[in-house]
Amino acid sequence: MYPVTVTIDRVFSVAYRWGNPGPRTEFGFASGNKRYYGLELPGKPAIEAGMQVTAILEKEGDWSSLQGWFNHTTGELVSPPRANHVLQLLVCGVLGSSVITSLDNAMAIVIFLFLSAIALLSGSMLWRAQRAIKALAALARTAPAS
């Protein structure tokens, strides 16, 4: 995870959407002479010109890998949700255990493999979300009190 601190000079194209895993905000902004488009954050965070934020990027310098941010202006912490990934893992576990008991036909094997793939994907997303949340929490602890 890579922290990057920027001051948002201009905000454009803010749109609130509902999707999986819940509400999200799509937006773009300008900072200095650079513009960033097609960014997404979970929930409905405050996004205004003049804000200073420390963003957590999964890939260095790649704003499309934005995971969340700490807003130094308001103290708001925006982080990825974990609840849906936990629920998906639980559902896969329950369904997978019932399928394992009937692995005598081909369809049960296909269902088990499908559930295993969903569980792996959910686990990966949960791990990424947890890493971003830990990084953001560390940022919040080290931020100077306003």
C-alpha atoms as a PDB file:
ATOM      1  CA  MET A   1       0.000   0.000   0.000  1.00  0.00           C
ATOM      2  CA  TYR A   2       1.316   3.399  -0.970  1.00  0.00           C
ATOM      3  CA  PRO A   3       0.240   6.608   0.806  1.00  0.00           C
ATOM      4  CA  VAL A   4       0.058   9.799  -1.283  1.00  0.00           C
ATOM      5  CA  THR A   5      -0.885  13.214   0.102  1.00  0.00           C
ATOM      6  CA  VAL A   6      -2.524  15.697  -2.280  1.00  0.00           C
ATOM      7  CA  THR A   7      -4.566  18.879  -2.104  1.00  0.00           C
ATOM      8  CA  ILE A   8      -7.678  18.752  -4.263  1.00  0.00           C
ATOM      9  CA  ASP A   9      -7.813  21.945  -6.309  1.00  0.00           C
ATOM     10  CA  ARG A  10     -10.896  21.124  -8.355  1.00  0.00           C
ATOM     11  CA  VAL A  11     -13.561  18.398  -8.258  1.00  0.00           C
ATOM     12  CA  PHE A  12     -15.587  17.225 -11.237  1.00  0.00           C
ATOM     13  CA  SER A  13     -17.980  14.465 -12.282  1.00  0.00           C
ATOM     14  CA  VAL A  14     -19.136  13.386  -8.805  1.00  0.00           C
ATOM     15  CA  ALA A  15     -21.747  10.609  -9.034  1.00  0.00           C
ATOM     16  CA  TYR A  16     -23.234   8.477  -6.270  1.00  0.00           C
ATOM     17  CA  ARG A  17     -24.081   4.905  -7.250  1.00  0.00           C
ATOM     18  CA  TRP A  18     -25.413   1.805  -5.566  1.00  0.00           C
ATOM     19  CA  GLY A  19     -23.706  -1.458  -6.384  1.00  0.00           C
ATOM     20  CA  ASN A  20     -21.934  -4.411  -4.901  1.00  0.00           C
ATOM     21  CA  PRO A  21     -20.740  -4.023  -2.137  1.00  0.00           C
ATOM     22  CA  GLY A  22     -22.988  -1.042  -1.371  1.00  0.00           C
ATOM     23  CA  PRO A  23     -22.980   2.683  -2.125  1.00  0.00           C
ATOM     24  CA  ARG A  24     -19.982   4.216  -3.823  1.00  0.00           C
ATOM     25  CA  THR A  25     -18.900   7.594  -5.147  1.00  0.00           C
ATOM     26  CA  GLU A  26     -17.373   7.994  -8.579  1.00  0.00           C
ATOM     27  CA  PHE A  27     -15.458  11.213  -9.191  1.00  0.00           C
ATOM     28  CA  GLY A  28     -12.515  12.994 -10.715  1.00  0.00           C
ATOM     29  CA  PHE A  29     -10.297  15.771  -9.429  1.00  0.00           C
ATOM     30  CA  ALA A  30      -7.414  18.042 -10.305  1.00  0.00           C
ATOM     31  CA  SER A  31      -4.386  18.600  -8.099  1.00  0.00           C
ATOM     32  CA  GLY A  32      -1.767  21.009  -9.367  1.00  0.00           C
ATOM     33  CA  ASN A  33      -1.358  20.350 -13.066  1.00  0.00           C
ATOM     34  CA  LYS A  34      -2.528  16.710 -12.884  1.00  0.00           C
ATOM     35  CA  ARG A  35      -6.058  15.423 -13.433  1.00  0.00           C
ATOM     36  CA  TYR A  36      -7.438  12.109 -12.269  1.00  0.00           C
ATOM     37  CA  TYR A  37     -10.625  10.626 -13.751  1.00  0.00           C
ATOM     38  CA  GLY A  38     -12.782   7.598 -13.061  1.00  0.00           C
ATOM     39  CA  LEU A  39     -11.895   7.234  -9.383  1.00  0.00           C
ATOM     40  CA  GLU A  40     -14.111   5.404  -6.948  1.00  0.00           C
ATOM     41  CA  LEU A  41     -14.492   5.405  -3.157  1.00  0.00           C
ATOM     42  CA  PRO A  42     -16.920   3.440  -0.995  1.00  0.00           C
ATOM     43  CA  GLY A  43     -19.846   5.293   0.575  1.00  0.00           C
ATOM     44  CA  LYS A  44     -20.568   8.996   0.174  1.00  0.00           C
ATOM     45  CA  PRO A  45     -17.422  10.765   1.378  1.00  0.00           C
ATOM     46  CA  ALA A  46     -17.031  14.538   1.319  1.00  0.00           C
ATOM     47  CA  ILE A  47     -15.181  15.547  -1.842  1.00  0.00           C
ATOM     48  CA  GLU A  48     -14.599  19.284  -2.165  1.00  0.00           C
ATOM     49  CA  ALA A  49     -12.038  21.648  -3.606  1.00  0.00           C
ATOM     50  CA  GLY A  50      -9.414  22.709  -1.078  1.00  0.00           C
ATOM     51  CA  MET A  51      -9.353  19.412   0.836  1.00  0.00           C
ATOM     52  CA  GLN A  52      -6.045  17.801   1.712  1.00  0.00           C
ATOM     53  CA  VAL A  53      -6.174  14.009   1.722  1.00  0.00           C
ATOM     54  CA  THR A  54      -3.728  11.180   2.168  1.00  0.00           C
ATOM     55  CA  ALA A  55      -4.827   8.438  -0.198  1.00  0.00           C
ATOM     56  CA  ILE A  56      -3.898   4.767  -0.023  1.00  0.00           C
ATOM     57  CA  LEU A  57      -3.055   3.366  -3.456  1.00  0.00           C
ATOM     58  CA  GLU A  58      -2.638  -0.346  -3.948  1.00  0.00           C
ATOM     59  CA  LYS A  59      -0.147   0.256  -6.773  1.00  0.00           C
ATOM     60  CA  GLU A  60       2.437   3.010  -6.564  1.00  0.00           C
ATOM     61  CA  GLY A  61       1.408   6.090  -8.577  1.00  0.00           C
ATOM     62  CA  ASP A  62      -1.732   4.378  -9.935  1.00  0.00           C
ATOM     63  CA  TRP A  63      -4.808   6.330  -8.839  1.00  0.00           C
ATOM     64  CA  SER A  64      -7.097   3.718 -10.389  1.00  0.00           C
ATOM     65  CA  SER A  65      -5.974   1.474  -7.489  1.00  0.00           C
ATOM     66  CA  LEU A  66      -7.340   3.947  -4.895  1.00  0.00           C
ATOM     67  CA  GLN A  67      -8.390   2.015  -1.775  1.00  0.00           C
ATOM     68  CA  GLY A  68      -9.414   4.821   0.551  1.00  0.00           C
ATOM     69  CA  TRP A  69      -8.184   8.027   2.131  1.00  0.00           C
ATOM     70  CA  PHE A  70      -7.825  10.109   5.244  1.00  0.00           C
ATOM     71  CA  ASN A  71      -9.283  13.606   4.846  1.00  0.00           C
ATOM     72  CA  HIS A  72      -7.027  15.981   6.807  1.00  0.00           C
ATOM     73  CA  THR A  73      -9.619  18.774   6.495  1.00  0.00           C
ATOM     74  CA  THR A  74     -12.540  16.920   8.139  1.00  0.00           C
ATOM     75  CA  GLY A  75     -10.816  13.949   9.799  1.00  0.00           C
ATOM     76  CA  GLU A  76     -13.008  11.560   7.753  1.00  0.00           C
ATOM     77  CA  LEU A  77     -11.582   8.100   7.127  1.00  0.00           C
ATOM     78  CA  VAL A  78     -12.859   6.406   3.955  1.00  0.00           C
ATOM     79  CA  SER A  79     -12.092   2.704   3.736  1.00  0.00           C
ATOM     80  CA  PRO A  80     -13.306  -0.331   1.798  1.00  0.00           C
ATOM     81  CA  PRO A  81     -16.163  -2.365   3.318  1.00  0.00           C
ATOM     82  CA  ARG A  82     -15.505  -5.837   4.687  1.00  0.00           C
ATOM     83  CA  ALA A  83     -18.959  -7.081   5.713  1.00  0.00           C
ATOM     84  CA  ASN A  84     -20.069  -8.345   2.280  1.00  0.00           C
ATOM     85  CA  HIS A  85     -16.879 -10.338   1.785  1.00  0.00           C
ATOM     86  CA  VAL A  86     -17.300 -12.014   5.173  1.00  0.00           C
ATOM     87  CA  LEU A  87     -20.908 -12.886   4.298  1.00  0.00           C
ATOM     88  CA  GLN A  88     -19.845 -14.323   0.933  1.00  0.00           C
ATOM     89  CA  LEU A  89     -17.213 -16.479   2.638  1.00  0.00           C
ATOM     90  CA  LEU A  90     -19.766 -17.762   5.168  1.00  0.00           C
ATOM     91  CA  VAL A  91     -22.311 -18.596   2.456  1.00  0.00           C
ATOM     92  CA  CYS A  92     -19.650 -20.406   0.425  1.00  0.00           C
ATOM     93  CA  GLY A  93     -18.602 -22.355   3.500  1.00  0.00           C
ATOM     94  CA  VAL A  94     -22.140 -23.442   4.367  1.00  0.00           C
ATOM     95  CA  LEU A  95     -23.091 -24.324   0.789  1.00  0.00           C
ATOM     96  CA  GLY A  96     -19.700 -25.942   0.148  1.00  0.00           C
ATOM     97  CA  SER A  97     -20.013 -28.194   3.193  1.00  0.00           C
ATOM     98  CA  SER A  98     -23.448 -29.368   2.072  1.00  0.00           C
ATOM     99  CA  VAL A  99     -22.159 -30.037  -1.456  1.00  0.00           C
ATOM    100  CA  ILE A 100     -19.150 -31.995  -0.143  1.00  0.00           C
ATOM    101  CA  THR A 101     -21.502 -34.554   1.383  1.00  0.00           C
ATOM    102  CA  SER A 102     -22.960 -35.279  -2.067  1.00  0.00           C
ATOM    103  CA  LEU A 103     -19.840 -35.313  -4.256  1.00  0.00           C
ATOM    104  CA  ASP A 104     -20.986 -38.478  -6.030  1.00  0.00           C
ATOM    105  CA  ASN A 105     -22.167 -36.744  -9.208  1.00  0.00           C
ATOM    106  CA  ALA A 106     -20.569 -34.341 -11.688  1.00  0.00           C
ATOM    107  CA  MET A 107     -22.947 -31.454 -10.961  1.00  0.00           C
ATOM    108  CA  ALA A 108     -22.020 -31.448  -7.269  1.00  0.00           C
ATOM    109  CA  ILE A 109     -18.331 -31.267  -8.223  1.00  0.00           C
ATOM    110  CA  VAL A 110     -18.993 -28.320 -10.568  1.00  0.00           C
ATOM    111  CA  ILE A 111     -20.956 -26.515  -7.835  1.00  0.00           C
ATOM    112  CA  PHE A 112     -18.190 -27.168  -5.319  1.00  0.00           C
ATOM    113  CA  LEU A 113     -15.536 -25.794  -7.698  1.00  0.00           C
ATOM    114  CA  PHE A 114     -17.671 -22.715  -8.401  1.00  0.00           C
ATOM    115  CA  LEU A 115     -18.169 -22.056  -4.675  1.00  0.00           C
ATOM    116  CA  SER A 116     -14.451 -22.548  -4.088  1.00  0.00           C
ATOM    117  CA  ALA A 117     -13.641 -19.931  -6.745  1.00  0.00           C
ATOM    118  CA  ILE A 118     -16.083 -17.445  -5.173  1.00  0.00           C
ATOM    119  CA  ALA A 119     -14.612 -18.108  -1.731  1.00  0.00           C
ATOM    120  CA  LEU A 120     -11.062 -17.504  -3.008  1.00  0.00           C
ATOM    121  CA  LEU A 121     -12.122 -14.264  -4.697  1.00  0.00           C
ATOM    122  CA  SER A 122     -13.985 -13.086  -1.592  1.00  0.00           C
ATOM    123  CA  GLY A 123     -11.026 -13.974   0.607  1.00  0.00           C
ATOM    124  CA  SER A 124      -8.684 -12.021  -1.650  1.00  0.00           C
ATOM    125  CA  MET A 125     -10.953  -8.969  -1.584  1.00  0.00           C
ATOM    126  CA  LEU A 126     -11.320  -9.246   2.183  1.00  0.00           C
ATOM    127  CA  TRP A 127      -7.529  -9.421   2.591  1.00  0.00           C
ATOM    128  CA  ARG A 128      -7.053  -6.337   0.360  1.00  0.00           C
ATOM    129  CA  ALA A 129      -9.742  -4.418   2.249  1.00  0.00           C
ATOM    130  CA  GLN A 130      -8.149  -5.341   5.588  1.00  0.00           C
ATOM    131  CA  ARG A 131      -4.723  -4.136   4.389  1.00  0.00           C
ATOM    132  CA  ALA A 132      -6.189  -0.812   3.253  1.00  0.00           C
ATOM    133  CA  ILE A 133      -8.073  -0.358   6.523  1.00  0.00           C
ATOM    134  CA  LYS A 134      -4.912  -1.015   8.555  1.00  0.00           C
ATOM    135  CA  ALA A 135      -2.955   1.480   6.444  1.00  0.00           C
ATOM    136  CA  LEU A 136      -5.682   4.118   6.813  1.00  0.00           C
ATOM    137  CA  ALA A 137      -5.927   3.544  10.565  1.00  0.00           C
ATOM    138  CA  ALA A 138      -2.163   4.034  10.858  1.00  0.00           C
ATOM    139  CA  LEU A 139      -2.513   7.279   8.896  1.00  0.00           C
ATOM    140  CA  ALA A 140      -5.277   8.482  11.192  1.00  0.00           C
ATOM    141  CA  ARG A 141      -3.185   7.738  14.310  1.00  0.00           C
ATOM    142  CA  THR A 142      -0.205   9.666  12.993  1.00  0.00           C
ATOM    143  CA  ALA A 143      -2.201  12.641  11.654  1.00  0.00           C
ATOM    144  CA  PRO A 144      -1.725  15.850  13.635  1.00  0.00           C
ATOM    145  CA  ALA A 145      -4.763  16.867  15.683  1.00  0.00           C
ATOM    146  CA  SER A 146      -6.753  19.663  14.066  1.00  0.00           C
END
